[in-house]
Amino acid sequence: MGRACEICGKSPMTGNRIVRHGLAKKKGGIGLHTTGITRRRFLPNLHRIRARVGGGVVRITVCAQCIRAGKVVKA
């Protein structure tokens, strides 16, 4: 299972990168105009750690949020 947390299942998400040009109306311009939209991926913050699972030590891929939340017991 690549690029996914083995605890919570967090995986890459998709979104847009939006490019805007122009001066904002509150700064005296005519407003911002969208000049480009590109698809992009938001990747999870994954780490390969040695964790204690079922009495043994194995290497698992876990996101940083699961490590901070204490859902994983490091070996």
PDB file of N, CA and C in Angstrom:
ATOM      1  N   MET A   1       0.843  -1.173   0.000  1.00  0.00           N
ATOM      2  CA  MET A   1       0.000   0.000   0.000  1.00  0.00           C
ATOM      3  C   MET A   1       0.889   1.238   0.000  1.00  0.00           C
ATOM      4  N   GLY A   2       1.036   1.899  -1.129  1.00  0.00           N
ATOM      5  CA  GLY A   2       1.921   3.036  -1.216  1.00  0.00           C
ATOM      6  C   GLY A   2       1.220   4.345  -0.929  1.00  0.00           C
ATOM      7  N   ARG A   3       1.943   5.256  -0.291  1.00  0.00           N
ATOM      8  CA  ARG A   3       1.459   6.604  -0.010  1.00  0.00           C
ATOM      9  C   ARG A   3       0.140   6.630   0.755  1.00  0.00           C
ATOM     10  N   ALA A   4      -0.028   5.738   1.694  1.00  0.00           N
ATOM     11  CA  ALA A   4      -1.214   5.756   2.544  1.00  0.00           C
ATOM     12  C   ALA A   4      -0.819   5.344   3.950  1.00  0.00           C
ATOM     13  N   CYS A   5      -1.431   5.956   4.933  1.00  0.00           N
ATOM     14  CA  CYS A   5      -1.175   5.626   6.333  1.00  0.00           C
ATOM     15  C   CYS A   5      -1.815   4.275   6.646  1.00  0.00           C
ATOM     16  N   GLU A   6      -1.049   3.394   7.301  1.00  0.00           N
ATOM     17  CA  GLU A   6      -1.566   2.065   7.616  1.00  0.00           C
ATOM     18  C   GLU A   6      -2.462   2.072   8.846  1.00  0.00           C
ATOM     19  N   ILE A   7      -2.522   3.182   9.573  1.00  0.00           N
ATOM     20  CA  ILE A   7      -3.386   3.279  10.751  1.00  0.00           C
ATOM     21  C   ILE A   7      -4.741   3.895  10.393  1.00  0.00           C
ATOM     22  N   CYS A   8      -4.705   5.107   9.813  1.00  0.00           N
ATOM     23  CA  CYS A   8      -5.967   5.819   9.550  1.00  0.00           C
ATOM     24  C   CYS A   8      -6.386   5.767   8.084  1.00  0.00           C
ATOM     25  N   GLY A   9      -5.496   5.320   7.194  1.00  0.00           N
ATOM     26  CA  GLY A   9      -5.856   5.219   5.783  1.00  0.00           C
ATOM     27  C   GLY A   9      -5.748   6.513   5.000  1.00  0.00           C
ATOM     28  N   LYS A  10      -5.134   7.532   5.593  1.00  0.00           N
ATOM     29  CA  LYS A  10      -4.986   8.813   4.899  1.00  0.00           C
ATOM     30  C   LYS A  10      -4.137   8.614   3.645  1.00  0.00           C
ATOM     31  N   SER A  11      -4.611   9.153   2.515  1.00  0.00           N
ATOM     32  CA  SER A  11      -3.931   8.979   1.237  1.00  0.00           C
ATOM     33  C   SER A  11      -3.965  10.305   0.472  1.00  0.00           C
ATOM     34  N   PRO A  12      -3.284  10.386  -0.680  1.00  0.00           N
ATOM     35  CA  PRO A  12      -3.252  11.654  -1.422  1.00  0.00           C
ATOM     36  C   PRO A  12      -4.649  12.134  -1.823  1.00  0.00           C
ATOM     37  N   MET A  13      -4.819  13.459  -1.780  1.00  0.00           N
ATOM     38  CA  MET A  13      -6.063  14.079  -2.220  1.00  0.00           C
ATOM     39  C   MET A  13      -5.735  14.999  -3.381  1.00  0.00           C
ATOM     40  N   THR A  14      -6.737  15.329  -4.180  1.00  0.00           N
ATOM     41  CA  THR A  14      -6.521  16.210  -5.319  1.00  0.00           C
ATOM     42  C   THR A  14      -7.184  17.551  -5.074  1.00  0.00           C
ATOM     43  N   GLY A  15      -6.665  18.561  -5.760  1.00  0.00           N
ATOM     44  CA  GLY A  15      -7.215  19.898  -5.640  1.00  0.00           C
ATOM     45  C   GLY A  15      -6.731  20.744  -6.797  1.00  0.00           C
ATOM     46  N   ASN A  16      -6.853  22.048  -6.661  1.00  0.00           N
ATOM     47  CA  ASN A  16      -6.461  22.972  -7.711  1.00  0.00           C
ATOM     48  C   ASN A  16      -5.426  23.960  -7.210  1.00  0.00           C
ATOM     49  N   ARG A  17      -4.524  24.334  -8.113  1.00  0.00           N
ATOM     50  CA  ARG A  17      -3.615  25.449  -7.883  1.00  0.00           C
ATOM     51  C   ARG A  17      -4.153  26.582  -8.740  1.00  0.00           C
ATOM     52  N   ILE A  18      -4.584  27.651  -8.083  1.00  0.00           N
ATOM     53  CA  ILE A  18      -5.242  28.745  -8.789  1.00  0.00           C
ATOM     54  C   ILE A  18      -4.307  29.951  -8.832  1.00  0.00           C
ATOM     55  N   VAL A  19      -4.059  30.489 -10.048  1.00  0.00           N
ATOM     56  CA  VAL A  19      -3.211  31.659 -10.241  1.00  0.00           C
ATOM     57  C   VAL A  19      -4.118  32.858 -10.488  1.00  0.00           C
ATOM     58  N   ARG A  20      -3.911  33.911  -9.685  1.00  0.00           N
ATOM     59  CA  ARG A  20      -4.731  35.117  -9.834  1.00  0.00           C
ATOM     60  C   ARG A  20      -3.819  36.314 -10.073  1.00  0.00           C
ATOM     61  N   HIS A  21      -4.215  37.205 -10.980  1.00  0.00           N
ATOM     62  CA  HIS A  21      -3.474  38.423 -11.265  1.00  0.00           C
ATOM     63  C   HIS A  21      -4.405  39.619 -11.141  1.00  0.00           C
ATOM     64  N   GLY A  22      -3.819  40.770 -10.915  1.00  0.00           N
ATOM     65  CA  GLY A  22      -4.581  42.004 -10.800  1.00  0.00           C
ATOM     66  C   GLY A  22      -4.484  42.564  -9.395  1.00  0.00           C
ATOM     67  N   LEU A  23      -4.947  43.769  -9.245  1.00  0.00           N
ATOM     68  CA  LEU A  23      -4.929  44.445  -7.960  1.00  0.00           C
ATOM     69  C   LEU A  23      -6.307  44.324  -7.314  1.00  0.00           C
ATOM     70  N   ALA A  24      -6.325  43.975  -6.043  1.00  0.00           N
ATOM     71  CA  ALA A  24      -7.592  43.788  -5.329  1.00  0.00           C
ATOM     72  C   ALA A  24      -8.408  45.083  -5.322  1.00  0.00           C
ATOM     73  N   LYS A  25      -9.717  44.940  -5.290  1.00  0.00           N
ATOM     74  CA  LYS A  25     -10.594  46.113  -5.324  1.00  0.00           C
ATOM     75  C   LYS A  25     -10.350  47.024  -4.120  1.00  0.00           C
ATOM     76  N   LYS A  26     -10.126  46.439  -2.945  1.00  0.00           N
ATOM     77  CA  LYS A  26      -9.933  47.275  -1.758  1.00  0.00           C
ATOM     78  C   LYS A  26      -8.593  48.020  -1.786  1.00  0.00           C
ATOM     79  N   LYS A  27      -7.729  47.641  -2.732  1.00  0.00           N
ATOM     80  CA  LYS A  27      -6.459  48.362  -2.901  1.00  0.00           C
ATOM     81  C   LYS A  27      -6.509  49.311  -4.085  1.00  0.00           C
ATOM     82  N   GLY A  28      -7.690  49.501  -4.662  1.00  0.00           N
ATOM     83  CA  GLY A  28      -7.838  50.471  -5.740  1.00  0.00           C
ATOM     84  C   GLY A  28      -7.836  49.878  -7.135  1.00  0.00           C
ATOM     85  N   GLY A  29      -7.802  48.552  -7.255  1.00  0.00           N
ATOM     86  CA  GLY A  29      -7.784  47.934  -8.569  1.00  0.00           C
ATOM     87  C   GLY A  29      -9.170  47.545  -9.032  1.00  0.00           C
ATOM     88  N   ILE A  30      -9.229  46.758 -10.101  1.00  0.00           N
ATOM     89  CA  ILE A  30     -10.517  46.321 -10.637  1.00  0.00           C
ATOM     90  C   ILE A  30     -10.843  44.891 -10.209  1.00  0.00           C
ATOM     91  N   GLY A  31     -10.022  44.340  -9.330  1.00  0.00           N
ATOM     92  CA  GLY A  31     -10.303  43.011  -8.800  1.00  0.00           C
ATOM     93  C   GLY A  31      -9.352  41.965  -9.345  1.00  0.00           C
ATOM     94  N   LEU A  32      -9.282  40.838  -8.645  1.00  0.00           N
ATOM     95  CA  LEU A  32      -8.412  39.736  -9.048  1.00  0.00           C
ATOM     96  C   LEU A  32      -9.083  38.906 -10.129  1.00  0.00           C
ATOM     97  N   HIS A  33      -8.285  38.484 -11.114  1.00  0.00           N
ATOM     98  CA  HIS A  33      -8.797  37.649 -12.198  1.00  0.00           C
ATOM     99  C   HIS A  33      -8.047  36.324 -12.191  1.00  0.00           C
ATOM    100  N   THR A  34      -8.770  35.234 -12.340  1.00  0.00           N
ATOM    101  CA  THR A  34      -8.158  33.908 -12.425  1.00  0.00           C
ATOM    102  C   THR A  34      -7.557  33.745 -13.808  1.00  0.00           C
ATOM    103  N   THR A  35      -6.236  33.465 -13.849  1.00  0.00           N
ATOM    104  CA  THR A  35      -5.566  33.333 -15.138  1.00  0.00           C
ATOM    105  C   THR A  35      -5.070  31.917 -15.386  1.00  0.00           C
ATOM    106  N   GLY A  36      -5.188  31.045 -14.401  1.00  0.00           N
ATOM    107  CA  GLY A  36      -4.738  29.678 -14.620  1.00  0.00           C
ATOM    108  C   GLY A  36      -5.203  28.763 -13.509  1.00  0.00           C
ATOM    109  N   ILE A  37      -5.648  27.572 -13.873  1.00  0.00           N
ATOM    110  CA  ILE A  37      -6.044  26.554 -12.899  1.00  0.00           C
ATOM    111  C   ILE A  37      -5.352  25.262 -13.295  1.00  0.00           C
ATOM    112  N   THR A  38      -4.587  24.692 -12.364  1.00  0.00           N
ATOM    113  CA  THR A  38      -3.847  23.461 -12.611  1.00  0.00           C
ATOM    114  C   THR A  38      -4.202  22.455 -11.531  1.00  0.00           C
ATOM    115  N   ARG A  39      -4.388  21.206 -11.924  1.00  0.00           N
ATOM    116  CA  ARG A  39      -4.662  20.154 -10.946  1.00  0.00           C
ATOM    117  C   ARG A  39      -3.387  19.850 -10.171  1.00  0.00           C
ATOM    118  N   ARG A  40      -3.526  19.555  -8.886  1.00  0.00           N
ATOM    119  CA  ARG A  40      -2.378  19.211  -8.065  1.00  0.00           C
ATOM    120  C   ARG A  40      -2.781  18.153  -7.051  1.00  0.00           C
ATOM    121  N   ARG A  41      -1.771  17.594  -6.356  1.00  0.00           N
ATOM    122  CA  ARG A  41      -2.020  16.554  -5.357  1.00  0.00           C
ATOM    123  C   ARG A  41      -1.527  17.039  -4.003  1.00  0.00           C
ATOM    124  N   PHE A  42      -2.330  16.798  -2.978  1.00  0.00           N
ATOM    125  CA  PHE A  42      -1.940  17.058  -1.606  1.00  0.00           C
ATOM    126  C   PHE A  42      -1.510  15.726  -1.011  1.00  0.00           C
ATOM    127  N   LEU A  43      -0.202  15.571  -0.724  1.00  0.00           N
ATOM    128  CA  LEU A  43       0.324  14.305  -0.233  1.00  0.00           C
ATOM    129  C   LEU A  43       0.347  14.299   1.287  1.00  0.00           C
ATOM    130  N   PRO A  44       0.035  13.151   1.919  1.00  0.00           N
ATOM    131  CA  PRO A  44       0.085  13.065   3.380  1.00  0.00           C
ATOM    132  C   PRO A  44       1.530  13.060   3.873  1.00  0.00           C
ATOM    133  N   ASN A  45       1.726  13.493   5.108  1.00  0.00           N
ATOM    134  CA  ASN A  45       3.053  13.544   5.726  1.00  0.00           C
ATOM    135  C   ASN A  45       3.353  12.173   6.334  1.00  0.00           C
ATOM    136  N   LEU A  46       3.929  11.264   5.524  1.00  0.00           N
ATOM    137  CA  LEU A  46       4.130   9.877   5.938  1.00  0.00           C
ATOM    138  C   LEU A  46       5.561   9.621   6.392  1.00  0.00           C
ATOM    139  N   HIS A  47       5.703   8.705   7.363  1.00  0.00           N
ATOM    140  CA  HIS A  47       7.002   8.291   7.867  1.00  0.00           C
ATOM    141  C   HIS A  47       7.011   6.783   8.001  1.00  0.00           C
ATOM    142  N   ARG A  48       8.167   6.162   7.664  1.00  0.00           N
ATOM    143  CA  ARG A  48       8.324   4.719   7.882  1.00  0.00           C
ATOM    144  C   ARG A  48       8.995   4.557   9.236  1.00  0.00           C
ATOM    145  N   ILE A  49       8.258   3.941  10.173  1.00  0.00           N
ATOM    146  CA  ILE A  49       8.791   3.777  11.520  1.00  0.00           C
ATOM    147  C   ILE A  49       8.721   2.319  11.936  1.00  0.00           C
ATOM    148  N   ARG A  50       9.566   1.977  12.904  1.00  0.00           N
ATOM    149  CA  ARG A  50       9.516   0.647  13.501  1.00  0.00           C
ATOM    150  C   ARG A  50       8.552   0.732  14.671  1.00  0.00           C
ATOM    151  N   ALA A  51       7.491  -0.066  14.615  1.00  0.00           N
ATOM    152  CA  ALA A  51       6.458  -0.001  15.640  1.00  0.00           C
ATOM    153  C   ALA A  51       6.202  -1.385  16.214  1.00  0.00           C
ATOM    154  N   ARG A  52       5.690  -1.395  17.424  1.00  0.00           N
ATOM    155  CA  ARG A  52       5.354  -2.640  18.090  1.00  0.00           C
ATOM    156  C   ARG A  52       3.916  -3.004  17.731  1.00  0.00           C
ATOM    157  N   VAL A  53       3.756  -4.126  17.024  1.00  0.00           N
ATOM    158  CA  VAL A  53       2.428  -4.573  16.596  1.00  0.00           C
ATOM    159  C   VAL A  53       2.288  -6.048  16.941  1.00  0.00           C
ATOM    160  N   GLY A  54       1.301  -6.371  17.757  1.00  0.00           N
ATOM    161  CA  GLY A  54       1.032  -7.774  18.091  1.00  0.00           C
ATOM    162  C   GLY A  54       2.190  -8.490  18.771  1.00  0.00           C
ATOM    163  N   GLY A  55       2.919  -7.799  19.621  1.00  0.00           N
ATOM    164  CA  GLY A  55       4.022  -8.430  20.339  1.00  0.00           C
ATOM    165  C   GLY A  55       5.331  -8.446  19.581  1.00  0.00           C
ATOM    166  N   GLY A  56       5.325  -8.099  18.288  1.00  0.00           N
ATOM    167  CA  GLY A  56       6.546  -8.062  17.486  1.00  0.00           C
ATOM    168  C   GLY A  56       6.825  -6.661  16.994  1.00  0.00           C
ATOM    169  N   VAL A  57       7.989  -6.504  16.355  1.00  0.00           N
ATOM    170  CA  VAL A  57       8.379  -5.205  15.808  1.00  0.00           C
ATOM    171  C   VAL A  57       8.348  -5.293  14.292  1.00  0.00           C
ATOM    172  N   VAL A  58       7.589  -4.377  13.665  1.00  0.00           N
ATOM    173  CA  VAL A  58       7.487  -4.346  12.214  1.00  0.00           C
ATOM    174  C   VAL A  58       7.661  -2.913  11.738  1.00  0.00           C
ATOM    175  N   ARG A  59       8.011  -2.769  10.452  1.00  0.00           N
ATOM    176  CA  ARG A  59       8.090  -1.445   9.841  1.00  0.00           C
ATOM    177  C   ARG A  59       6.745  -1.120   9.210  1.00  0.00           C
ATOM    178  N   ILE A  60       6.184   0.029   9.574  1.00  0.00           N
ATOM    179  CA  ILE A  60       4.912   0.439   8.993  1.00  0.00           C
ATOM    180  C   ILE A  60       5.022   1.890   8.534  1.00  0.00           C
ATOM    181  N   THR A  61       4.163   2.264   7.597  1.00  0.00           N
ATOM    182  CA  THR A  61       4.098   3.629   7.102  1.00  0.00           C
ATOM    183  C   THR A  61       2.935   4.324   7.797  1.00  0.00           C
ATOM    184  N   VAL A  62       3.268   5.390   8.530  1.00  0.00           N
ATOM    185  CA  VAL A  62       2.274   6.059   9.365  1.00  0.00           C
ATOM    186  C   VAL A  62       2.357   7.562   9.133  1.00  0.00           C
ATOM    187  N   CYS A  63       1.210   8.243   9.168  1.00  0.00           N
ATOM    188  CA  CYS A  63       1.208   9.693   9.005  1.00  0.00           C
ATOM    189  C   CYS A  63       1.618  10.361  10.323  1.00  0.00           C
ATOM    190  N   ALA A  64       2.091  11.600  10.221  1.00  0.00           N
ATOM    191  CA  ALA A  64       2.587  12.326  11.388  1.00  0.00           C
ATOM    192  C   ALA A  64       1.486  12.551  12.423  1.00  0.00           C
ATOM    193  N   GLN A  65       0.246  12.722  11.977  1.00  0.00           N
ATOM    194  CA  GLN A  65      -0.844  12.964  12.917  1.00  0.00           C
ATOM    195  C   GLN A  65      -1.088  11.749  13.803  1.00  0.00           C
ATOM    196  N   CYS A  66      -0.959  10.535  13.250  1.00  0.00           N
ATOM    197  CA  CYS A  66      -1.147   9.322  14.047  1.00  0.00           C
ATOM    198  C   CYS A  66      -0.007   9.151  15.054  1.00  0.00           C
ATOM    199  N   ILE A  67       1.205   9.523  14.654  1.00  0.00           N
ATOM    200  CA  ILE A  67       2.341   9.432  15.574  1.00  0.00           C
ATOM    201  C   ILE A  67       2.142  10.401  16.732  1.00  0.00           C
ATOM    202  N   ARG A  68       1.744  11.635  16.432  1.00  0.00           N
ATOM    203  CA  ARG A  68       1.550  12.641  17.480  1.00  0.00           C
ATOM    204  C   ARG A  68       0.383  12.293  18.390  1.00  0.00           C
ATOM    205  N   ALA A  69      -0.655  11.660  17.837  1.00  0.00           N
ATOM    206  CA  ALA A  69      -1.845  11.322  18.618  1.00  0.00           C
ATOM    207  C   ALA A  69      -1.606  10.112  19.517  1.00  0.00           C
ATOM    208  N   GLY A  70      -0.469   9.426  19.341  1.00  0.00           N
ATOM    209  CA  GLY A  70      -0.162   8.275  20.182  1.00  0.00           C
ATOM    210  C   GLY A  70      -0.860   7.004  19.739  1.00  0.00           C
ATOM    211  N   LYS A  71      -1.280   6.925  18.484  1.00  0.00           N
ATOM    212  CA  LYS A  71      -1.943   5.724  17.986  1.00  0.00           C
ATOM    213  C   LYS A  71      -0.936   4.630  17.661  1.00  0.00           C
ATOM    214  N   VAL A  72       0.378   4.960  17.702  1.00  0.00           N
ATOM    215  CA  VAL A  72       1.426   4.010  17.363  1.00  0.00           C
ATOM    216  C   VAL A  72       2.400   3.934  18.545  1.00  0.00           C
ATOM    217  N   VAL A  73       2.823   2.715  18.892  1.00  0.00           N
ATOM    218  CA  VAL A  73       3.825   2.527  19.940  1.00  0.00           C
ATOM    219  C   VAL A  73       5.148   2.234  19.244  1.00  0.00           C
ATOM    220  N   LYS A  74       6.092   3.170  19.353  1.00  0.00           N
ATOM    221  CA  LYS A  74       7.385   2.992  18.700  1.00  0.00           C
ATOM    222  C   LYS A  74       8.169   1.870  19.384  1.00  0.00           C
ATOM    223  N   ALA A  75       8.997   1.168  18.590  1.00  0.00           N
ATOM    224  CA  ALA A  75       9.792   0.074  19.129  1.00  0.00           C
ATOM    225  C   ALA A  75      11.015   0.653  19.835  1.00  0.00           C
TER     226      ALA A  75
END
